[in-house]
Amino acid sequence: MEYQNNGMQLEEVAKDYLRESAKWSMFLAILGFIGIGFLALLAIIMTSVMSMAPETPSPFGAVKGFVSIIYLVFAIIYLFPIYYLYKYADSTKKALNFGDSELLTKAFSNLKSHHKFLGIAAIIIIALYIIAAIVMVIGYSALM
């Protein structure tokens, strides 16, 4: 199918919607970066708290270093969609201020990457829930 570009122009209402979308996206990106900072800080705190735990063999001792690593992994994973959202907001704002259609295209590319990342993450989480449910059913039936 052939696509023809007829020099599409954005109406002022569409530009206003994009400006507002960029503002809210920037707000959410800033909150996301703050959340990532808290996750990293929590990883550091958990490392120091866990290092004070006694060395006796216990279930608590088995997860001693693992908890901090989990927080850091979540922070790193969370960084990607937040970065894409930030780049969308920043590029959209600049594109609308300067009337730069290439920059607006780049902004939409970042928004696409943000949504794609969240979609893949949702698929992975749903798959993990299904696997966990299957494991629980098998485990429960083995106990019977």
N, C-alpha and C. Protein backbone atom coordinates (compact mmCIF):
# COMPACT_ATOMS: atom_id res chain seq x y z
N MET A 1 0.84 -1.18 0.00
CA MET A 1 0.00 0.00 0.00
C MET A 1 0.89 1.24 0.00
N GLU A 2 0.61 2.13 -0.89
CA GLU A 2 1.42 3.33 -1.02
C GLU A 2 0.82 4.45 -0.18
N TYR A 3 1.68 5.15 0.52
CA TYR A 3 1.23 6.24 1.37
C TYR A 3 1.67 7.55 0.74
N GLN A 4 0.75 8.47 0.62
CA GLN A 4 1.08 9.78 0.06
C GLN A 4 1.06 10.81 1.17
N ASN A 5 2.11 11.59 1.25
CA ASN A 5 2.17 12.67 2.22
C ASN A 5 1.63 13.93 1.55
N ASN A 6 0.52 14.40 2.04
CA ASN A 6 -0.10 15.59 1.45
C ASN A 6 0.26 16.84 2.24
N GLY A 7 1.43 16.83 2.87
CA GLY A 7 1.84 18.00 3.65
C GLY A 7 0.93 18.24 4.83
N MET A 8 0.71 17.20 5.61
CA MET A 8 -0.20 17.29 6.74
C MET A 8 0.25 18.40 7.70
N GLN A 9 -0.68 19.20 8.10
CA GLN A 9 -0.44 20.29 9.05
C GLN A 9 -1.21 19.99 10.34
N LEU A 10 -0.65 20.42 11.45
CA LEU A 10 -1.35 20.26 12.72
C LEU A 10 -2.19 21.49 13.01
N GLU A 11 -3.42 21.27 13.41
CA GLU A 11 -4.27 22.39 13.81
C GLU A 11 -3.81 22.87 15.18
N GLU A 12 -4.19 24.07 15.53
CA GLU A 12 -3.78 24.65 16.82
C GLU A 12 -4.30 23.81 18.00
N VAL A 13 -5.49 23.25 17.85
CA VAL A 13 -6.04 22.41 18.92
C VAL A 13 -5.15 21.19 19.13
N ALA A 14 -4.69 20.58 18.03
CA ALA A 14 -3.80 19.42 18.13
C ALA A 14 -2.49 19.82 18.78
N LYS A 15 -1.95 20.98 18.44
CA LYS A 15 -0.72 21.47 19.06
C LYS A 15 -0.92 21.69 20.56
N ASP A 16 -2.08 22.23 20.91
CA ASP A 16 -2.38 22.44 22.34
C ASP A 16 -2.45 21.11 23.08
N TYR A 17 -3.07 20.12 22.45
CA TYR A 17 -3.12 18.79 23.06
C TYR A 17 -1.72 18.21 23.24
N LEU A 18 -0.89 18.38 22.24
CA LEU A 18 0.49 17.89 22.32
C LEU A 18 1.28 18.62 23.40
N ARG A 19 1.08 19.95 23.51
CA ARG A 19 1.76 20.71 24.57
C ARG A 19 1.35 20.19 25.95
N GLU A 20 0.05 19.98 26.13
CA GLU A 20 -0.43 19.49 27.41
C GLU A 20 0.07 18.08 27.68
N SER A 21 0.08 17.25 26.64
CA SER A 21 0.61 15.89 26.78
C SER A 21 2.08 15.93 27.17
N ALA A 22 2.84 16.84 26.57
CA ALA A 22 4.27 16.96 26.89
C ALA A 22 4.46 17.41 28.33
N LYS A 23 3.62 18.33 28.80
CA LYS A 23 3.74 18.80 30.19
C LYS A 23 3.48 17.66 31.18
N TRP A 24 2.41 16.92 30.94
CA TRP A 24 2.09 15.81 31.85
C TRP A 24 3.15 14.70 31.75
N SER A 25 3.63 14.46 30.55
CA SER A 25 4.68 13.45 30.37
C SER A 25 5.95 13.85 31.10
N MET A 26 6.29 15.13 31.05
CA MET A 26 7.48 15.61 31.76
C MET A 26 7.28 15.45 33.27
N PHE A 27 6.09 15.78 33.75
CA PHE A 27 5.79 15.61 35.17
C PHE A 27 5.95 14.15 35.59
N LEU A 28 5.38 13.24 34.79
CA LEU A 28 5.48 11.82 35.11
C LEU A 28 6.92 11.31 34.99
N ALA A 29 7.68 11.84 34.03
CA ALA A 29 9.08 11.44 33.88
C ALA A 29 9.89 11.90 35.10
N ILE A 30 9.65 13.12 35.56
CA ILE A 30 10.36 13.61 36.74
C ILE A 30 10.02 12.76 37.96
N LEU A 31 8.74 12.44 38.12
CA LEU A 31 8.36 11.54 39.22
C LEU A 31 9.03 10.18 39.07
N GLY A 32 9.15 9.71 37.84
CA GLY A 32 9.81 8.43 37.59
C GLY A 32 11.28 8.47 37.95
N PHE A 33 11.96 9.56 37.59
CA PHE A 33 13.37 9.69 37.95
C PHE A 33 13.55 9.76 39.47
N ILE A 34 12.62 10.44 40.14
CA ILE A 34 12.67 10.49 41.61
C ILE A 34 12.47 9.09 42.17
N GLY A 35 11.53 8.33 41.60
CA GLY A 35 11.30 6.95 42.03
C GLY A 35 12.52 6.08 41.82
N ILE A 36 13.21 6.27 40.70
CA ILE A 36 14.43 5.52 40.43
C ILE A 36 15.49 5.86 41.47
N GLY A 37 15.58 7.14 41.81
CA GLY A 37 16.52 7.57 42.85
C GLY A 37 16.21 6.92 44.18
N PHE A 38 14.91 6.84 44.52
CA PHE A 38 14.52 6.18 45.77
C PHE A 38 14.86 4.69 45.74
N LEU A 39 14.66 4.05 44.60
CA LEU A 39 15.01 2.63 44.49
C LEU A 39 16.51 2.42 44.69
N ALA A 40 17.32 3.28 44.08
CA ALA A 40 18.77 3.17 44.23
C ALA A 40 19.17 3.44 45.68
N LEU A 41 18.55 4.45 46.29
CA LEU A 41 18.83 4.75 47.70
C LEU A 41 18.42 3.59 48.59
N LEU A 42 17.28 3.00 48.29
CA LEU A 42 16.82 1.85 49.06
C LEU A 42 17.77 0.67 48.92
N ALA A 43 18.34 0.49 47.74
CA ALA A 43 19.33 -0.58 47.54
C ALA A 43 20.55 -0.35 48.42
N ILE A 44 20.99 0.89 48.49
CA ILE A 44 22.14 1.21 49.34
C ILE A 44 21.79 1.00 50.81
N ILE A 45 20.62 1.44 51.22
CA ILE A 45 20.19 1.27 52.61
C ILE A 45 20.07 -0.21 52.95
N MET A 46 19.47 -0.98 52.03
CA MET A 46 19.30 -2.42 52.29
C MET A 46 20.66 -3.11 52.38
N THR A 47 21.62 -2.65 51.61
CA THR A 47 22.97 -3.24 51.69
C THR A 47 23.56 -3.02 53.07
N SER A 48 23.43 -1.80 53.59
CA SER A 48 23.99 -1.52 54.92
C SER A 48 23.20 -2.22 56.02
N VAL A 49 21.88 -2.28 55.88
CA VAL A 49 21.07 -2.96 56.89
C VAL A 49 21.36 -4.46 56.89
N MET A 50 21.46 -5.04 55.71
CA MET A 50 21.73 -6.47 55.61
C MET A 50 23.13 -6.82 56.10
N SER A 51 24.07 -5.89 55.94
CA SER A 51 25.43 -6.18 56.40
C SER A 51 25.51 -6.23 57.92
N MET A 52 24.54 -5.61 58.60
CA MET A 52 24.52 -5.63 60.06
C MET A 52 23.83 -6.88 60.61
N ALA A 53 23.18 -7.63 59.74
CA ALA A 53 22.48 -8.84 60.18
C ALA A 53 23.50 -9.89 60.62
N PRO A 54 23.14 -10.69 61.59
CA PRO A 54 24.08 -11.73 62.05
C PRO A 54 24.33 -12.78 60.96
N GLU A 55 25.46 -13.43 61.05
CA GLU A 55 25.88 -14.41 60.05
C GLU A 55 25.33 -15.81 60.31
N THR A 56 24.41 -15.96 61.23
CA THR A 56 23.85 -17.27 61.53
C THR A 56 23.05 -17.78 60.35
N PRO A 57 23.08 -19.09 60.13
CA PRO A 57 22.29 -19.64 59.01
C PRO A 57 20.80 -19.51 59.32
N SER A 58 20.11 -18.84 58.46
CA SER A 58 18.67 -18.66 58.60
C SER A 58 18.11 -18.31 57.23
N PRO A 59 16.80 -18.39 57.07
CA PRO A 59 16.22 -17.99 55.78
C PRO A 59 16.51 -16.52 55.47
N PHE A 60 16.59 -15.69 56.51
CA PHE A 60 16.89 -14.27 56.31
C PHE A 60 18.29 -14.09 55.76
N GLY A 61 19.22 -14.89 56.22
CA GLY A 61 20.60 -14.79 55.77
C GLY A 61 20.78 -15.18 54.32
N ALA A 62 19.89 -16.02 53.80
CA ALA A 62 19.99 -16.48 52.42
C ALA A 62 19.73 -15.37 51.41
N VAL A 63 18.94 -14.38 51.79
CA VAL A 63 18.59 -13.31 50.86
C VAL A 63 19.37 -12.03 51.14
N LYS A 64 20.38 -12.14 51.93
CA LYS A 64 21.11 -10.97 52.42
C LYS A 64 21.55 -10.02 51.30
N GLY A 65 22.30 -10.47 50.35
CA GLY A 65 22.77 -9.61 49.27
C GLY A 65 21.81 -9.53 48.10
N PHE A 66 20.87 -10.45 48.06
CA PHE A 66 19.95 -10.54 46.93
C PHE A 66 18.97 -9.37 46.89
N VAL A 67 18.54 -8.90 48.03
CA VAL A 67 17.53 -7.84 48.09
C VAL A 67 18.05 -6.56 47.44
N SER A 68 19.26 -6.18 47.75
CA SER A 68 19.85 -4.96 47.17
C SER A 68 19.96 -5.07 45.66
N ILE A 69 20.35 -6.25 45.20
CA ILE A 69 20.49 -6.46 43.75
C ILE A 69 19.13 -6.33 43.06
N ILE A 70 18.09 -6.86 43.68
CA ILE A 70 16.74 -6.77 43.12
C ILE A 70 16.33 -5.30 42.98
N TYR A 71 16.55 -4.50 44.01
CA TYR A 71 16.21 -3.08 43.94
C TYR A 71 16.98 -2.38 42.82
N LEU A 72 18.25 -2.69 42.68
CA LEU A 72 19.04 -2.08 41.61
C LEU A 72 18.58 -2.52 40.23
N VAL A 73 18.23 -3.79 40.08
CA VAL A 73 17.73 -4.29 38.80
C VAL A 73 16.41 -3.60 38.43
N PHE A 74 15.51 -3.46 39.40
CA PHE A 74 14.25 -2.76 39.13
C PHE A 74 14.51 -1.30 38.76
N ALA A 75 15.46 -0.65 39.42
CA ALA A 75 15.78 0.74 39.10
C ALA A 75 16.30 0.85 37.67
N ILE A 76 17.16 -0.07 37.27
CA ILE A 76 17.72 -0.03 35.91
C ILE A 76 16.64 -0.31 34.87
N ILE A 77 15.80 -1.30 35.13
CA ILE A 77 14.72 -1.61 34.19
C ILE A 77 13.75 -0.44 34.07
N TYR A 78 13.43 0.19 35.19
CA TYR A 78 12.49 1.31 35.22
C TYR A 78 13.06 2.54 34.52
N LEU A 79 14.38 2.62 34.41
CA LEU A 79 15.02 3.78 33.80
C LEU A 79 14.66 3.91 32.32
N PHE A 80 14.55 2.81 31.60
CA PHE A 80 14.32 2.88 30.16
C PHE A 80 12.99 3.53 29.78
N PRO A 81 11.85 3.07 30.30
CA PRO A 81 10.60 3.73 29.90
C PRO A 81 10.53 5.18 30.37
N ILE A 82 11.12 5.47 31.52
CA ILE A 82 11.10 6.84 32.02
C ILE A 82 11.96 7.74 31.13
N TYR A 83 13.10 7.23 30.69
CA TYR A 83 13.95 8.00 29.78
C TYR A 83 13.23 8.29 28.46
N TYR A 84 12.56 7.27 27.90
CA TYR A 84 11.82 7.48 26.66
C TYR A 84 10.70 8.51 26.85
N LEU A 85 10.02 8.45 27.98
CA LEU A 85 8.95 9.41 28.26
C LEU A 85 9.52 10.82 28.38
N TYR A 86 10.65 10.95 29.05
CA TYR A 86 11.30 12.25 29.19
C TYR A 86 11.70 12.80 27.82
N LYS A 87 12.31 11.95 27.00
CA LYS A 87 12.73 12.40 25.67
C LYS A 87 11.53 12.80 24.81
N TYR A 88 10.42 12.07 24.96
CA TYR A 88 9.20 12.46 24.23
C TYR A 88 8.75 13.85 24.66
N ALA A 89 8.67 14.07 25.96
CA ALA A 89 8.19 15.35 26.47
C ALA A 89 9.10 16.49 26.05
N ASP A 90 10.40 16.29 26.19
CA ASP A 90 11.36 17.34 25.85
C ASP A 90 11.35 17.64 24.36
N SER A 91 11.37 16.59 23.54
CA SER A 91 11.38 16.79 22.09
C SER A 91 10.08 17.40 21.59
N THR A 92 8.96 17.01 22.17
CA THR A 92 7.68 17.57 21.76
C THR A 92 7.62 19.06 22.07
N LYS A 93 8.05 19.41 23.26
CA LYS A 93 8.05 20.82 23.66
C LYS A 93 8.92 21.65 22.71
N LYS A 94 10.13 21.17 22.44
CA LYS A 94 11.03 21.90 21.54
C LYS A 94 10.47 21.95 20.12
N ALA A 95 9.91 20.83 19.65
CA ALA A 95 9.38 20.78 18.28
C ALA A 95 8.24 21.78 18.10
N LEU A 96 7.36 21.87 19.09
CA LEU A 96 6.24 22.80 18.97
C LEU A 96 6.70 24.25 19.10
N ASN A 97 7.71 24.51 19.92
CA ASN A 97 8.22 25.88 20.06
C ASN A 97 8.92 26.37 18.80
N PHE A 98 9.65 25.47 18.13
CA PHE A 98 10.43 25.87 16.95
C PHE A 98 9.78 25.46 15.63
N GLY A 99 8.66 24.76 15.68
CA GLY A 99 7.99 24.32 14.46
C GLY A 99 8.82 23.32 13.68
N ASP A 100 9.51 22.44 14.39
CA ASP A 100 10.42 21.46 13.78
C ASP A 100 9.73 20.11 13.65
N SER A 101 9.35 19.74 12.43
CA SER A 101 8.63 18.48 12.23
C SER A 101 9.53 17.27 12.41
N GLU A 102 10.83 17.39 12.11
CA GLU A 102 11.75 16.28 12.32
C GLU A 102 11.89 15.96 13.81
N LEU A 103 11.95 17.01 14.62
CA LEU A 103 12.05 16.82 16.06
C LEU A 103 10.75 16.21 16.62
N LEU A 104 9.62 16.61 16.04
CA LEU A 104 8.34 16.03 16.46
C LEU A 104 8.28 14.55 16.09
N THR A 105 8.83 14.21 14.94
CA THR A 105 8.91 12.80 14.53
C THR A 105 9.76 12.01 15.52
N LYS A 106 10.88 12.59 15.93
CA LYS A 106 11.75 11.95 16.93
C LYS A 106 11.00 11.79 18.26
N ALA A 107 10.21 12.80 18.61
CA ALA A 107 9.42 12.73 19.84
C ALA A 107 8.45 11.56 19.78
N PHE A 108 7.78 11.41 18.65
CA PHE A 108 6.83 10.30 18.51
C PHE A 108 7.55 8.96 18.50
N SER A 109 8.77 8.93 17.98
CA SER A 109 9.57 7.71 18.03
C SER A 109 9.86 7.32 19.49
N ASN A 110 10.18 8.31 20.32
CA ASN A 110 10.41 8.04 21.75
C ASN A 110 9.13 7.59 22.45
N LEU A 111 7.99 8.18 22.06
CA LEU A 111 6.73 7.77 22.65
C LEU A 111 6.40 6.32 22.26
N LYS A 112 6.69 5.99 20.99
CA LYS A 112 6.50 4.61 20.53
C LYS A 112 7.37 3.65 21.33
N SER A 113 8.63 4.03 21.56
CA SER A 113 9.55 3.18 22.32
C SER A 113 9.06 3.01 23.76
N HIS A 114 8.54 4.09 24.33
CA HIS A 114 7.99 4.03 25.69
C HIS A 114 6.84 3.02 25.75
N HIS A 115 5.89 3.17 24.83
CA HIS A 115 4.73 2.27 24.83
C HIS A 115 5.13 0.84 24.51
N LYS A 116 6.08 0.66 23.60
CA LYS A 116 6.54 -0.68 23.24
C LYS A 116 7.19 -1.36 24.45
N PHE A 117 8.02 -0.62 25.18
CA PHE A 117 8.67 -1.16 26.37
C PHE A 117 7.62 -1.58 27.40
N LEU A 118 6.63 -0.72 27.64
CA LEU A 118 5.59 -1.06 28.61
C LEU A 118 4.76 -2.25 28.15
N GLY A 119 4.49 -2.33 26.86
CA GLY A 119 3.74 -3.47 26.33
C GLY A 119 4.49 -4.78 26.49
N ILE A 120 5.78 -4.77 26.18
CA ILE A 120 6.59 -5.98 26.34
C ILE A 120 6.68 -6.36 27.82
N ALA A 121 6.85 -5.36 28.68
CA ALA A 121 6.90 -5.62 30.12
C ALA A 121 5.58 -6.23 30.61
N ALA A 122 4.46 -5.73 30.10
CA ALA A 122 3.16 -6.29 30.48
C ALA A 122 3.03 -7.74 30.03
N ILE A 123 3.50 -8.04 28.82
CA ILE A 123 3.46 -9.42 28.32
C ILE A 123 4.31 -10.33 29.20
N ILE A 124 5.51 -9.85 29.57
CA ILE A 124 6.40 -10.65 30.43
C ILE A 124 5.76 -10.89 31.79
N ILE A 125 5.16 -9.86 32.37
CA ILE A 125 4.52 -10.01 33.69
C ILE A 125 3.35 -10.98 33.62
N ILE A 126 2.54 -10.88 32.57
CA ILE A 126 1.41 -11.81 32.41
C ILE A 126 1.93 -13.23 32.26
N ALA A 127 2.99 -13.41 31.47
CA ALA A 127 3.58 -14.75 31.30
C ALA A 127 4.10 -15.29 32.63
N LEU A 128 4.74 -14.43 33.42
CA LEU A 128 5.24 -14.87 34.73
C LEU A 128 4.09 -15.25 35.66
N TYR A 129 2.99 -14.51 35.62
CA TYR A 129 1.82 -14.87 36.43
C TYR A 129 1.26 -16.23 36.00
N ILE A 130 1.19 -16.46 34.70
CA ILE A 130 0.68 -17.74 34.20
C ILE A 130 1.60 -18.88 34.63
N ILE A 131 2.91 -18.67 34.49
CA ILE A 131 3.87 -19.69 34.92
C ILE A 131 3.76 -19.94 36.42
N ALA A 132 3.63 -18.87 37.21
CA ALA A 132 3.49 -19.02 38.66
C ALA A 132 2.22 -19.78 39.01
N ALA A 133 1.12 -19.51 38.30
CA ALA A 133 -0.13 -20.22 38.56
C ALA A 133 0.02 -21.70 38.23
N ILE A 134 0.67 -22.00 37.12
CA ILE A 134 0.88 -23.40 36.74
C ILE A 134 1.74 -24.11 37.78
N VAL A 135 2.83 -23.45 38.21
CA VAL A 135 3.71 -24.04 39.22
C VAL A 135 2.95 -24.27 40.53
N MET A 136 2.10 -23.33 40.91
CA MET A 136 1.31 -23.49 42.14
C MET A 136 0.33 -24.65 42.02
N VAL A 137 -0.31 -24.79 40.88
CA VAL A 137 -1.24 -25.89 40.69
C VAL A 137 -0.51 -27.21 40.72
N ILE A 138 0.63 -27.29 40.05
CA ILE A 138 1.42 -28.53 40.06
C ILE A 138 1.92 -28.82 41.47
N GLY A 139 2.42 -27.78 42.16
CA GLY A 139 2.89 -27.97 43.53
C GLY A 139 1.78 -28.40 44.47
N TYR A 140 0.60 -27.80 44.31
CA TYR A 140 -0.52 -28.17 45.17
C TYR A 140 -0.99 -29.59 44.88
N SER A 141 -1.03 -29.96 43.60
CA SER A 141 -1.47 -31.31 43.25
C SER A 141 -0.45 -32.35 43.70
N ALA A 142 0.82 -31.97 43.77
CA ALA A 142 1.84 -32.91 44.25
C ALA A 142 1.69 -33.16 45.75
N LEU A 143 1.17 -32.19 46.47
CA LEU A 143 0.96 -32.35 47.91
C LEU A 143 -0.24 -33.22 48.22
N MET A 144 -1.16 -33.33 47.30
CA MET A 144 -2.39 -34.09 47.52
C MET A 144 -2.13 -35.54 47.39
